[in-house]
Protein backbone atom coordinates (compact mmCIF):
# COMPACT_ATOMS: atom_id res chain seq x y z
CA UNK A 1 -38.06 -33.89 -74.52
CA UNK A 2 -36.68 -30.34 -75.05
CA UNK A 3 -33.31 -29.78 -77.11
CA UNK A 4 -31.81 -28.67 -73.43
CA UNK A 5 -32.18 -31.60 -72.04
CA UNK A 6 -30.86 -33.64 -75.00
CA UNK A 7 -27.83 -32.31 -74.26
CA UNK A 8 -27.38 -32.13 -71.18
CA UNK A 9 -28.67 -35.79 -70.50
CA UNK A 10 -25.11 -37.42 -71.75
CA UNK A 11 -23.34 -35.24 -69.13
CA UNK A 12 -25.59 -36.46 -66.16
CA UNK A 13 -23.39 -38.90 -65.46
CA UNK A 14 -20.05 -36.94 -65.51
CA UNK A 15 -22.08 -34.30 -63.56
CA UNK A 16 -23.20 -36.83 -60.52
CA UNK A 17 -19.90 -38.14 -60.46
CA UNK A 18 -18.51 -35.00 -59.79
CA UNK A 19 -21.14 -34.48 -56.96
CA UNK A 20 -20.53 -37.18 -55.56
CA UNK A 21 -16.88 -36.98 -54.95
CA UNK A 22 -17.01 -33.70 -53.34
CA UNK A 23 -14.73 -33.49 -49.73
CA UNK A 24 -13.11 -37.07 -50.72
CA UNK A 25 -9.43 -36.51 -51.26
CA UNK A 26 -6.57 -37.96 -48.90
CA UNK A 27 -7.21 -38.66 -45.56
CA UNK A 28 -5.72 -37.13 -42.86
CA UNK A 29 -4.81 -38.73 -40.14
CA UNK A 30 -5.36 -36.34 -36.96
CA UNK A 31 -2.71 -38.88 -35.47
CA UNK A 32 0.18 -37.20 -37.06
CA UNK A 33 1.71 -33.93 -37.24
CA UNK A 34 1.35 -32.08 -40.36
CA UNK A 35 3.41 -29.14 -41.62
CA UNK A 36 1.91 -25.55 -41.09
CA UNK A 37 4.50 -23.10 -42.77
CA UNK A 38 7.02 -21.12 -41.06
CA UNK A 39 6.13 -20.24 -37.26
CA UNK A 40 4.92 -16.34 -36.85
CA UNK A 41 7.36 -13.68 -35.96
CA UNK A 42 6.92 -10.01 -34.65
CA UNK A 43 5.04 -9.72 -31.94
CA UNK A 44 1.37 -9.19 -30.93
CA UNK A 45 -0.79 -7.41 -28.37
CA UNK A 46 -0.16 -8.66 -25.08
CA UNK A 47 3.35 -9.43 -25.68
CA UNK A 48 6.18 -8.89 -23.18
CA UNK A 49 9.56 -6.77 -22.74
CA UNK A 50 13.12 -8.38 -21.37
CA UNK A 51 14.69 -6.55 -18.76
CA UNK A 52 16.69 -8.35 -16.45
CA UNK A 53 16.50 -10.07 -13.00
CA UNK A 54 20.61 -10.49 -11.58
CA UNK A 55 22.14 -11.21 -15.05
CA UNK A 56 19.40 -13.47 -16.29
CA UNK A 57 16.76 -11.88 -18.98
CA UNK A 58 13.34 -11.94 -17.73
CA UNK A 59 9.88 -10.99 -19.89
CA UNK A 60 7.92 -8.48 -17.91
CA UNK A 61 4.55 -8.09 -19.67
CA UNK A 62 3.08 -5.46 -21.37
CA UNK A 63 -0.43 -6.18 -22.54
CA UNK A 64 -2.04 -3.05 -20.91
CA UNK A 65 -0.13 -1.33 -23.15
CA UNK A 66 -1.51 -2.02 -26.15
CA UNK A 67 2.41 -3.00 -27.93
CA UNK A 68 1.54 -4.58 -31.27
CA UNK A 69 4.37 -4.03 -33.16
CA UNK A 70 8.49 -5.29 -33.15
CA UNK A 71 9.11 -1.45 -32.61
CA UNK A 72 6.65 -0.26 -30.42
CA UNK A 73 7.67 -3.25 -28.30
CA UNK A 74 11.98 -2.23 -28.49
CA UNK A 75 10.69 1.35 -27.75
CA UNK A 76 9.08 0.73 -24.64
CA UNK A 77 11.96 -1.09 -24.19
CA UNK A 78 14.57 1.71 -24.37
CA UNK A 79 11.67 3.63 -21.96
CA UNK A 80 13.25 1.24 -19.29
CA UNK A 81 11.19 -0.61 -16.25
CA UNK A 82 7.71 0.77 -15.28
CA UNK A 83 8.15 1.32 -11.54
CA UNK A 84 6.61 -1.80 -10.48
CA UNK A 85 9.32 -4.04 -13.14
CA UNK A 86 11.80 -2.45 -10.06
CA UNK A 87 9.13 -3.50 -7.69
CA UNK A 88 9.99 -6.65 -8.81
CA UNK A 89 13.42 -6.05 -9.19
CA UNK A 90 13.95 -6.07 -12.97
CA UNK A 91 16.54 -3.41 -14.32
CA UNK A 92 17.91 -3.17 -17.93
CA UNK A 93 21.75 -3.33 -18.93
CA UNK A 94 20.70 -0.59 -22.15
CA UNK A 95 22.71 2.83 -21.98
CA UNK A 96 20.76 5.72 -21.49
CA UNK A 97 18.96 7.54 -24.21
CA UNK A 98 20.33 10.72 -25.31
CA UNK A 99 18.33 13.83 -25.68
CA UNK A 100 14.54 13.93 -25.44
CA UNK A 101 13.14 10.63 -24.68
CA UNK A 102 10.47 11.28 -27.84
CA UNK A 103 13.34 12.25 -30.42
CA UNK A 104 15.53 9.36 -29.41
CA UNK A 105 12.27 6.73 -29.53
CA UNK A 106 11.30 7.95 -32.92
CA UNK A 107 14.84 6.82 -34.29
CA UNK A 108 13.75 3.24 -33.43
CA UNK A 109 12.30 1.03 -35.97
CA UNK A 110 12.03 -2.81 -36.63
CA UNK A 111 11.45 -4.22 -39.84
CA UNK A 112 11.51 -7.60 -41.53
CA UNK A 113 14.47 -7.60 -44.01
CA UNK A 114 13.96 -10.86 -45.30
CA UNK A 115 11.70 -14.08 -44.65
CA UNK A 116 12.36 -15.01 -40.53
CA UNK A 117 14.62 -11.92 -40.14
CA UNK A 118 14.17 -8.50 -38.58
CA UNK A 119 16.01 -5.68 -38.77
CA UNK A 120 16.27 -3.41 -35.41
CA UNK A 121 17.74 0.41 -36.00
CA UNK A 122 18.50 2.24 -32.93
CA UNK A 123 19.55 5.48 -31.69
CA UNK A 124 23.29 4.31 -30.62
CA UNK A 125 25.80 1.69 -32.02
CA UNK A 126 24.62 -1.63 -31.04
CA UNK A 127 28.37 -3.53 -31.39
CA UNK A 128 28.97 -1.08 -28.43
CA UNK A 129 26.38 -2.96 -26.10
CA UNK A 130 27.41 -5.83 -23.74
CA UNK A 131 26.17 -9.26 -24.15
CA UNK A 132 22.79 -8.88 -21.74
CA UNK A 133 21.66 -5.29 -23.49
CA UNK A 134 21.76 -7.50 -26.91
CA UNK A 135 19.99 -9.93 -25.41
CA UNK A 136 17.20 -7.53 -24.33
CA UNK A 137 17.02 -6.08 -27.35
CA UNK A 138 16.57 -9.28 -29.11
CA UNK A 139 14.50 -11.15 -27.29
CA UNK A 140 12.31 -8.39 -27.16
CA UNK A 141 11.99 -7.65 -30.85
CA UNK A 142 11.38 -11.31 -31.68
CA UNK A 143 11.63 -14.86 -29.52
CA UNK A 144 11.58 -16.67 -32.66
CA UNK A 145 12.97 -14.61 -35.54
CA UNK A 146 16.60 -13.85 -36.36
CA UNK A 147 17.02 -10.38 -35.46
CA UNK A 148 20.14 -7.81 -36.76
CA UNK A 149 20.63 -4.81 -35.02
CA UNK A 150 21.96 -1.38 -36.28
CA UNK A 151 22.54 2.23 -35.46
CA UNK A 152 24.75 4.78 -36.16
CA UNK A 153 26.43 3.08 -39.20
CA UNK A 154 27.30 0.01 -36.65
CA UNK A 155 25.53 -3.62 -37.03
CA UNK A 156 25.69 -6.55 -35.37
CA UNK A 157 25.70 -10.17 -36.79
CA UNK A 158 21.77 -11.58 -36.61
CA UNK A 159 21.33 -13.80 -33.06
CA UNK A 160 17.97 -15.20 -32.13
CA UNK A 161 16.24 -14.81 -28.60
CA UNK A 162 17.55 -18.50 -28.06
CA UNK A 163 21.45 -17.50 -27.95
CA UNK A 164 20.70 -15.61 -24.75
CA UNK A 165 19.85 -17.47 -21.31
CA UNK A 166 16.32 -16.30 -20.81
CA UNK A 167 13.55 -16.88 -18.23
CA UNK A 168 10.77 -17.52 -20.51
CA UNK A 169 7.65 -16.70 -19.89
CA UNK A 170 4.59 -19.58 -19.24
CA UNK A 171 3.64 -18.42 -22.69
CA UNK A 172 6.20 -16.81 -25.11
CA UNK A 173 5.24 -13.60 -26.11
CA UNK A 174 4.31 -14.67 -29.44
CA UNK A 175 2.14 -17.42 -28.55
CA UNK A 176 -1.40 -17.37 -28.59
């Protein structure tokens, strides 16, 4: 017997025990819900912007537009309903942008300012908007996060999309 095998021989039971216990641990009961952390926030590709049909917020799919962030979604909303949206009777309660569209949209940002919260910066005073316009912006920015709207030195209290009457799509903009 070599010296190395004499040194390893007393450790053999410990090593075998370690190998046989791999994969054991608390059993997972698949019949019970498990915590998975906080829900996702923000917007992913293939999302919707919220316009109005009558006096109800209504999602308009924007998957072909390649929207990949809340900023891009809000910019698409501020650009207004597409011709296809108009054919479906969708309108907007948002005021028209001043100056060139490109300059106005460049001022729009949507950034997380705390876990589960989003701050959307607009090119105008959001406190002067109607509740329907606030709902359009809030739901377009995020269906799950609290959204605070700010612009020209004015800020709204944070609200959630569920604070507004919304006709939700079959799957919300943030679900897979």
